[in-house]
Amino acid sequence: MNEDNNTIGKEVKPGCGCDITCCTGDKAPKKTKDNQIKSDCGCAPSCCSGGHEVIANETLQNTALDVSTKLNLKDHLGTLMVRLGISRMSYTINPGLYKIGSPDQNSPILVSANYKLSFDALRSNLTARDLWILVIDTKGINVWCSAGKGTFNSSEIVRMINLTNLSQKAAGRKLILPQLSAPGVSAHEIYRLSGFRVIYGPVRAKDIPEFIDAGFTATPEMRHIEFGLKDRLILSPVEITMGLKYALIIALGIIMLSGIGKHGYSIEHIKTIGVTSVILLMSTFIGSAVLGSALLPWLPGRAFAVKGLFLGVLMVIVLIGFNSMVFGIIHNWMIIISWVFMIPALSSFIVMNFTGATTFTSLSGVLYEMRYAIPAQIAVGIIGLTLWVSGLFI
């Protein structure tokens, strides 16, 4: 079994890997000594819409690579890095045909994206099975998002069927596609172009064995998309990691600006207003990323920006309560008012970032919300920042 799936097969970089009709001429592409495709038709590699690596055609046609269902240490570390938002856009495997166990012509064929996290989630749930996995090139995007973006599509599936010579390996000609790929796929188009029928599997990979054993029949629970507390909290580390750089830059700016005042530059201002403001900034940033995902179903409003606004208001109430009754750390009334504006604006923006990672929204709804929410968040944030700077001179 081959457990290292990041470097599989012999690769070429033709710029796309699509067929020869991408060129306007009638001469077929040729291969150079280093096994790269070079066209005599005069078109540039960018004539195709790709730019991704593919496995050499003869390798795809003649080889199905063994893959283990057991994830190793490297796989787990890779998953951890992706969950933290590190190198998540390059966590891919090569498209191609893989096999688990000893599949034959009657074995099930599962289709997956070439996002390695999706692939690992699939194979790790297929212990003691004999089946094929057809990995298509989704540009390293997961199944659900790639279906929405158009990279998990019918033409790519048909292309990989042809490249892997799958029709010679599978007499049943049935493909089990993830249910979440349905928005990007036309089942009848795949059948028309390849002769393969499409069966939509369950939402979650863990249900696939039961789905197969039941004769490719899904229970209502298998079709139900859940987005529980655990699913939501998994998103928080990514949001924190992706936004941390910007938060630290803003924090540095706050520290530098906080020293100015009507009596010149003051280190005492930095120790009081500056440090306190940085604490409020980072607390709002991390609190919105964690509490926003955890409390998402219960926060008022349909739009995520509105949900974040209410969370920000709640944090402002907590801030004012702690400041007046417990700590008394902020004595400058203008500084307090400034954060009454900035905290909801920042919280609204951070919670709005969850729109692309939940089951609550659609692409058109996200675009509509951002069109109105972002200008409002910027305006409120500028008001708060202006009040904060003004407070330095009181």
Protein backbone atom coordinates (compact mmCIF):
# COMPACT_ATOMS: atom_id res chain seq x y z
CA MET A 1 0.00 0.00 0.00
CA ASN A 2 1.21 3.48 -0.78
CA GLU A 3 0.38 5.88 2.04
CA ASP A 4 2.12 8.96 0.66
CA ASN A 5 -0.37 10.39 -1.80
CA ASN A 6 1.10 13.82 -2.39
CA THR A 7 3.53 12.61 -5.07
CA ILE A 8 1.82 9.96 -7.14
CA GLY A 9 2.59 8.93 -10.68
CA LYS A 10 4.60 10.59 -13.37
CA GLU A 11 3.67 14.24 -13.87
CA VAL A 12 3.74 16.58 -16.82
CA LYS A 13 3.03 20.29 -16.89
CA PRO A 14 1.39 21.12 -20.18
CA GLY A 15 -0.29 24.16 -18.66
CA CYS A 16 -3.66 22.51 -18.57
CA GLY A 17 -3.86 18.83 -19.43
CA CYS A 18 -6.92 19.36 -21.61
CA ASP A 19 -7.36 17.78 -25.02
CA ILE A 20 -5.76 18.99 -28.24
CA THR A 21 -8.80 20.96 -29.34
CA CYS A 22 -7.61 23.83 -27.18
CA CYS A 23 -5.40 24.78 -30.10
CA THR A 24 -6.78 26.46 -33.19
CA GLY A 25 -4.71 24.38 -35.57
CA ASP A 26 -5.04 20.78 -36.62
CA LYS A 27 -1.66 19.46 -35.51
CA ALA A 28 -1.58 17.28 -32.44
CA PRO A 29 0.62 18.12 -29.47
CA LYS A 30 3.95 16.33 -29.16
CA LYS A 31 5.95 15.35 -26.11
CA THR A 32 9.47 16.58 -25.45
CA LYS A 33 12.22 14.49 -23.91
CA ASP A 34 11.30 15.63 -20.44
CA ASN A 35 7.79 14.31 -21.08
CA GLN A 36 6.16 17.71 -21.43
CA ILE A 37 3.49 18.38 -23.99
CA LYS A 38 4.55 20.77 -26.70
CA SER A 39 2.17 21.85 -29.43
CA ASP A 40 3.01 22.45 -33.07
CA CYS A 41 -0.16 24.45 -33.57
CA GLY A 42 1.40 27.63 -32.27
CA CYS A 43 -0.80 28.21 -29.27
CA ALA A 44 0.61 29.09 -25.89
CA PRO A 45 0.12 26.83 -22.86
CA SER A 46 -2.33 29.41 -21.53
CA CYS A 47 -4.69 28.61 -24.40
CA CYS A 48 -6.29 26.20 -22.00
CA SER A 49 -8.04 27.26 -18.85
CA GLY A 50 -5.87 25.14 -16.61
CA GLY A 51 -2.37 25.71 -15.38
CA HIS A 52 -2.49 22.70 -13.04
CA GLU A 53 -0.39 19.56 -13.00
CA VAL A 54 -1.78 16.30 -14.35
CA ILE A 55 -0.45 12.81 -14.50
CA ALA A 56 0.88 11.70 -17.87
CA ASN A 57 -1.87 10.22 -20.02
CA GLU A 58 -0.27 6.81 -20.42
CA THR A 59 0.24 6.59 -16.64
CA LEU A 60 -3.40 7.43 -16.00
CA GLN A 61 -4.63 4.90 -18.54
CA ASN A 62 -2.54 1.99 -17.35
CA THR A 63 -2.23 2.56 -13.62
CA ALA A 64 -4.51 2.63 -10.61
CA LEU A 65 -2.47 3.44 -7.56
CA ASP A 66 -2.89 1.64 -4.25
CA VAL A 67 -3.94 3.83 -1.37
CA SER A 68 -4.17 2.99 2.31
CA THR A 69 -7.23 3.63 4.44
CA LYS A 70 -4.99 4.31 7.42
CA LEU A 71 -3.85 7.90 7.86
CA ASN A 72 -0.23 8.28 8.90
CA LEU A 73 1.49 10.95 11.00
CA LYS A 74 2.14 13.12 7.95
CA ASP A 75 -1.56 13.02 7.04
CA HIS A 76 -2.61 14.05 10.55
CA LEU A 77 -0.07 16.88 10.67
CA GLY A 78 -1.29 18.06 7.28
CA THR A 79 -4.86 18.07 8.54
CA LEU A 80 -3.85 20.07 11.61
CA MET A 81 -2.07 22.67 9.47
CA VAL A 82 -5.08 23.02 7.18
CA ARG A 83 -7.41 23.41 10.16
CA LEU A 84 -5.15 26.25 11.27
CA GLY A 85 -5.31 27.83 7.84
CA ILE A 86 -1.70 27.00 6.92
CA SER A 87 -1.05 26.05 3.26
CA ARG A 88 -4.69 25.12 2.87
CA MET A 89 -4.79 26.30 -0.77
CA SER A 90 -2.01 23.90 -1.79
CA TYR A 91 -3.07 20.80 0.13
CA THR A 92 -3.75 18.62 -2.90
CA ILE A 93 -3.19 15.21 -4.42
CA ASN A 94 -2.78 14.35 -8.06
CA PRO A 95 -5.95 13.60 -10.05
CA GLY A 96 -6.19 10.02 -11.21
CA LEU A 97 -7.56 6.60 -10.39
CA TYR A 98 -6.82 5.05 -7.01
CA LYS A 99 -7.76 1.67 -5.61
CA ILE A 100 -8.45 0.40 -2.13
CA GLY A 101 -8.03 -3.31 -1.60
CA SER A 102 -8.45 -5.42 -4.74
CA PRO A 103 -11.31 -3.96 -6.77
CA ASP A 104 -12.60 -5.64 -9.91
CA GLN A 105 -14.93 -4.58 -12.73
CA ASN A 106 -17.96 -4.82 -10.45
CA SER A 107 -16.50 -2.81 -7.56
CA PRO A 108 -18.00 0.58 -6.61
CA ILE A 109 -16.42 3.73 -8.03
CA LEU A 110 -16.33 6.77 -5.77
CA VAL A 111 -15.57 10.23 -7.11
CA SER A 112 -13.67 12.77 -5.01
CA ALA A 113 -12.03 16.18 -5.26
CA ASN A 114 -8.25 16.49 -5.28
CA TYR A 115 -8.33 18.48 -2.04
CA LYS A 116 -6.38 16.13 0.19
CA LEU A 117 -8.50 16.74 3.27
CA SER A 118 -11.58 15.56 1.33
CA PHE A 119 -9.68 12.58 -0.08
CA ASP A 120 -8.37 11.57 3.36
CA ALA A 121 -11.82 11.84 4.91
CA LEU A 122 -13.11 9.52 2.21
CA ARG A 123 -10.41 6.83 2.23
CA SER A 124 -10.16 6.66 6.02
CA ASN A 125 -13.79 5.50 6.17
CA LEU A 126 -13.35 2.67 3.68
CA THR A 127 -11.45 0.09 5.73
CA ALA A 128 -11.71 -3.52 4.52
CA ARG A 129 -13.30 -2.52 1.22
CA ASP A 130 -12.49 -3.23 -2.42
CA LEU A 131 -13.28 -0.22 -4.57
CA TRP A 132 -12.05 2.49 -6.91
CA ILE A 133 -11.65 6.20 -6.18
CA LEU A 134 -11.65 8.55 -9.16
CA VAL A 135 -10.03 11.83 -8.12
CA ILE A 136 -10.85 14.77 -10.39
CA ASP A 137 -9.02 18.07 -10.59
CA THR A 138 -10.97 20.66 -8.61
CA LYS A 139 -7.96 22.99 -8.29
CA GLY A 140 -7.44 21.83 -4.71
CA ILE A 141 -10.91 22.93 -3.56
CA ASN A 142 -13.21 20.76 -1.46
CA VAL A 143 -16.27 19.08 -2.94
CA TRP A 144 -18.93 21.51 -1.78
CA CYS A 145 -17.05 24.71 -2.64
CA SER A 146 -15.74 23.34 -5.95
CA ALA A 147 -19.28 22.40 -6.99
CA GLY A 148 -20.34 25.98 -6.31
CA LYS A 149 -17.29 27.43 -8.05
CA GLY A 150 -17.70 25.16 -11.07
CA THR A 151 -14.51 23.10 -10.81
CA PHE A 152 -16.34 19.95 -9.68
CA ASN A 153 -18.28 19.57 -12.92
CA SER A 154 -19.51 17.10 -15.50
CA SER A 155 -16.85 17.81 -18.12
CA GLU A 156 -14.00 17.27 -15.63
CA ILE A 157 -15.50 13.96 -14.53
CA VAL A 158 -15.85 12.81 -18.14
CA ARG A 159 -12.31 13.97 -18.88
CA MET A 160 -10.91 11.87 -16.03
CA ILE A 161 -13.02 8.88 -17.04
CA ASN A 162 -11.38 9.01 -20.46
CA LEU A 163 -7.86 9.72 -19.19
CA THR A 164 -7.95 6.82 -16.74
CA ASN A 165 -9.55 4.45 -19.25
CA LEU A 166 -12.13 3.75 -16.57
CA SER A 167 -14.63 2.11 -18.90
CA GLN A 168 -12.18 -0.79 -19.35
CA LYS A 169 -11.88 -1.30 -15.59
CA ALA A 170 -15.52 -0.99 -14.54
CA ALA A 171 -18.24 -3.02 -16.24
CA GLY A 172 -20.99 -1.64 -14.02
CA ARG A 173 -20.43 1.94 -15.21
CA LYS A 174 -21.81 3.53 -12.07
CA LEU A 175 -20.24 6.51 -10.32
CA ILE A 176 -20.96 7.36 -6.70
CA LEU A 177 -20.70 11.13 -6.37
CA PRO A 178 -20.80 13.09 -3.10
CA GLN A 179 -24.25 14.56 -2.51
CA LEU A 180 -22.71 18.00 -2.02
CA SER A 181 -21.31 17.90 -5.56
CA ALA A 182 -24.81 17.95 -7.06
CA PRO A 183 -24.96 21.74 -7.74
CA GLY A 184 -22.04 21.49 -10.15
CA VAL A 185 -22.90 18.24 -11.91
CA SER A 186 -25.33 17.23 -14.64
CA ALA A 187 -25.94 13.48 -14.30
CA HIS A 188 -27.58 13.09 -17.70
CA GLU A 189 -24.68 14.93 -19.37
CA ILE A 190 -22.17 12.54 -17.80
CA TYR A 191 -24.20 9.58 -19.02
CA ARG A 192 -24.52 11.03 -22.50
CA LEU A 193 -20.79 11.68 -22.85
CA SER A 194 -19.39 8.64 -21.07
CA GLY A 195 -22.07 6.03 -20.56
CA PHE A 196 -21.57 6.15 -16.78
CA ARG A 197 -24.60 6.52 -14.53
CA VAL A 198 -24.45 8.83 -11.53
CA ILE A 199 -25.56 7.83 -8.06
CA TYR A 200 -25.41 10.44 -5.33
CA GLY A 201 -23.94 9.13 -2.11
CA PRO A 202 -24.53 10.40 1.44
CA VAL A 203 -23.46 13.77 2.76
CA ARG A 204 -20.78 12.40 5.06
CA ALA A 205 -18.03 9.94 4.17
CA LYS A 206 -18.60 7.92 7.34
CA ASP A 207 -21.99 6.77 5.97
CA ILE A 208 -20.63 5.43 2.67
CA PRO A 209 -20.02 1.81 3.85
CA GLU A 210 -23.61 1.54 5.09
CA PHE A 211 -24.83 3.21 1.90
CA ILE A 212 -23.01 0.66 -0.28
CA ASP A 213 -24.13 -2.30 1.84
CA ALA A 214 -27.75 -1.13 1.51
CA GLY A 215 -27.56 -1.38 -2.28
CA PHE A 216 -26.66 2.29 -2.83
CA THR A 217 -29.70 3.43 -0.86
CA ALA A 218 -29.45 6.39 1.49
CA THR A 219 -31.53 6.85 4.60
CA PRO A 220 -33.12 10.26 5.28
CA GLU A 221 -30.45 10.86 7.93
CA MET A 222 -27.71 10.35 5.33
CA ARG A 223 -29.21 13.12 3.20
CA HIS A 224 -29.48 15.54 6.09
CA ILE A 225 -26.77 18.19 6.35
CA GLU A 226 -25.77 18.90 9.92
CA PHE A 227 -23.88 21.93 11.15
CA GLY A 228 -23.52 21.30 14.85
CA LEU A 229 -21.35 22.97 17.46
CA LYS A 230 -18.29 20.86 16.62
CA ASP A 231 -18.62 21.61 12.90
CA ARG A 232 -18.88 25.32 13.60
CA LEU A 233 -16.02 25.52 16.08
CA ILE A 234 -13.68 23.78 13.62
CA LEU A 235 -13.94 26.94 11.51
CA SER A 236 -12.69 29.27 14.25
CA PRO A 237 -8.95 28.40 14.12
CA VAL A 238 -8.87 29.08 10.37
CA GLU A 239 -10.53 32.48 10.80
CA ILE A 240 -8.16 33.39 13.62
CA THR A 241 -5.05 32.30 11.72
CA MET A 242 -6.08 34.07 8.52
CA GLY A 243 -6.93 37.31 10.30
CA LEU A 244 -4.17 37.30 12.91
CA LYS A 245 -1.61 39.05 10.71
CA TYR A 246 -3.97 41.96 10.08
CA ALA A 247 -5.00 42.12 13.73
CA LEU A 248 -1.36 42.35 14.83
CA ILE A 249 -0.66 45.10 12.27
CA ILE A 250 -3.62 47.09 13.57
CA ALA A 251 -2.49 46.44 17.17
CA LEU A 252 0.96 47.81 16.34
CA GLY A 253 -0.63 50.90 14.80
CA ILE A 254 -2.75 51.41 17.92
CA ILE A 255 0.32 51.21 20.17
CA MET A 256 2.21 53.74 18.08
CA LEU A 257 -0.72 56.16 17.82
CA SER A 258 -1.78 55.91 21.44
CA GLY A 259 1.22 57.85 22.61
CA ILE A 260 0.16 61.12 20.98
CA GLY A 261 -1.82 63.71 22.89
CA LYS A 262 -2.22 67.39 23.64
CA HIS A 263 0.98 67.40 25.71
CA GLY A 264 3.08 65.64 23.08
CA TYR A 265 4.05 61.96 22.89
CA SER A 266 3.37 60.14 26.16
CA ILE A 267 4.63 56.71 27.24
CA GLU A 268 1.98 56.78 29.94
CA HIS A 269 -0.69 57.00 27.23
CA ILE A 270 0.77 53.89 25.63
CA LYS A 271 0.68 51.99 28.93
CA THR A 272 -2.93 52.92 29.60
CA ILE A 273 -4.90 53.72 26.46
CA GLY A 274 -2.61 51.81 24.08
CA VAL A 275 -2.37 48.54 25.97
CA THR A 276 -6.06 48.63 26.93
CA SER A 277 -7.08 49.27 23.32
CA VAL A 278 -4.95 46.37 22.07
CA ILE A 279 -6.56 44.08 24.63
CA LEU A 280 -10.01 45.20 23.44
CA LEU A 281 -9.03 44.70 19.80
CA MET A 282 -7.66 41.17 20.27
CA SER A 283 -10.52 40.20 22.59
CA THR A 284 -13.04 41.34 19.98
CA PHE A 285 -11.15 39.57 17.19
CA ILE A 286 -10.79 36.22 18.94
CA GLY A 287 -14.14 36.46 20.73
CA SER A 288 -15.99 37.11 17.46
CA ALA A 289 -14.26 34.20 15.73
CA VAL A 290 -15.07 31.76 18.54
CA LEU A 291 -18.39 33.02 19.90
CA GLY A 292 -19.63 33.94 16.43
CA SER A 293 -19.37 30.33 15.24
CA ALA A 294 -20.52 28.82 18.53
CA LEU A 295 -23.61 31.03 18.92
CA LEU A 296 -24.47 31.27 15.22
CA PRO A 297 -27.90 29.58 15.33
CA TRP A 298 -29.04 31.69 18.27
CA LEU A 299 -27.78 35.13 17.27
CA PRO A 300 -30.65 37.32 15.96
CA GLY A 301 -30.96 38.12 12.28
CA ARG A 302 -30.69 36.20 9.03
CA ALA A 303 -27.65 38.00 7.59
CA PHE A 304 -24.34 37.05 9.19
CA ALA A 305 -23.32 40.70 9.36
CA VAL A 306 -26.40 41.35 11.49
CA LYS A 307 -25.60 38.37 13.70
CA GLY A 308 -22.10 39.75 14.20
CA LEU A 309 -23.54 43.17 14.97
CA PHE A 310 -25.66 41.76 17.79
CA LEU A 311 -22.65 39.84 19.12
CA GLY A 312 -20.65 43.07 19.07
CA VAL A 313 -23.37 44.91 20.98
CA LEU A 314 -23.35 42.11 23.55
CA MET A 315 -19.57 42.47 23.94
CA VAL A 316 -19.92 46.25 24.33
CA ILE A 317 -22.42 45.73 27.14
CA VAL A 318 -19.99 43.35 28.84
CA LEU A 319 -17.15 45.86 28.35
CA ILE A 320 -19.10 48.76 29.87
CA GLY A 321 -20.27 46.59 32.75
CA PHE A 322 -16.76 45.38 33.58
CA ASN A 323 -15.29 48.83 33.17
CA SER A 324 -17.79 50.54 35.47
CA MET A 325 -18.31 47.86 38.11
CA VAL A 326 -15.09 45.85 38.24
CA PHE A 327 -11.99 47.17 36.57
CA GLY A 328 -12.41 50.85 35.86
CA ILE A 329 -9.54 50.58 33.36
CA ILE A 330 -10.85 53.20 30.92
CA HIS A 331 -11.44 56.67 32.33
CA ASN A 332 -11.59 58.56 29.04
CA TRP A 333 -15.25 58.78 28.01
CA MET A 334 -14.35 59.48 24.36
CA ILE A 335 -12.25 56.30 24.19
CA ILE A 336 -15.15 54.32 25.63
CA ILE A 337 -17.58 55.72 23.05
CA SER A 338 -15.12 54.97 20.25
CA TRP A 339 -15.11 51.27 21.14
CA VAL A 340 -18.91 51.29 21.27
CA PHE A 341 -18.64 51.84 17.50
CA MET A 342 -15.53 49.82 16.67
CA ILE A 343 -16.37 46.58 18.50
CA PRO A 344 -19.71 45.96 16.68
CA ALA A 345 -18.15 46.95 13.33
CA LEU A 346 -15.26 44.50 13.78
CA SER A 347 -17.47 41.73 15.14
CA SER A 348 -19.93 42.15 12.27
CA PHE A 349 -17.13 41.82 9.73
CA ILE A 350 -15.56 38.74 11.35
CA VAL A 351 -18.84 36.85 11.74
CA MET A 352 -19.75 37.72 8.15
CA ASN A 353 -16.66 35.76 7.05
CA PHE A 354 -18.42 32.54 8.07
CA THR A 355 -20.93 32.93 5.23
CA GLY A 356 -18.80 30.88 2.84
CA ALA A 357 -18.35 27.99 5.24
CA THR A 358 -21.86 27.22 6.44
CA THR A 359 -25.05 25.57 5.28
CA PHE A 360 -27.03 28.74 5.99
CA THR A 361 -26.21 30.76 2.89
CA SER A 362 -26.14 30.81 -0.90
CA LEU A 363 -23.64 32.48 -3.22
CA SER A 364 -26.11 35.13 -4.35
CA GLY A 365 -27.11 35.80 -0.75
CA VAL A 366 -23.48 36.23 0.30
CA LEU A 367 -22.79 38.71 -2.50
CA TYR A 368 -25.95 40.66 -1.71
CA GLU A 369 -25.08 40.84 2.00
CA MET A 370 -21.49 41.94 1.39
CA ARG A 371 -22.59 44.67 -1.02
CA TYR A 372 -24.42 46.48 1.77
CA ALA A 373 -22.67 45.28 4.91
CA ILE A 374 -19.04 46.10 4.08
CA PRO A 375 -19.63 49.82 3.38
CA ALA A 376 -21.63 50.08 6.61
CA GLN A 377 -18.92 48.30 8.61
CA ILE A 378 -16.25 50.59 7.17
CA ALA A 379 -18.30 53.70 7.91
CA VAL A 380 -18.99 52.71 11.52
CA GLY A 381 -15.37 51.69 11.99
CA ILE A 382 -14.13 55.06 10.71
CA ILE A 383 -16.47 56.88 13.09
CA GLY A 384 -15.11 54.83 15.98
CA LEU A 385 -11.49 55.38 14.94
CA THR A 386 -12.07 59.14 14.63
CA LEU A 387 -13.54 59.24 18.14
CA TRP A 388 -10.62 57.17 19.45
CA VAL A 389 -8.00 59.53 17.99
CA SER A 390 -9.98 62.52 19.30
CA GLY A 391 -9.99 60.95 22.75
CA LEU A 392 -6.21 60.98 22.83
CA PHE A 393 -6.31 64.79 23.06
CA ILE A 394 -8.77 64.99 25.95
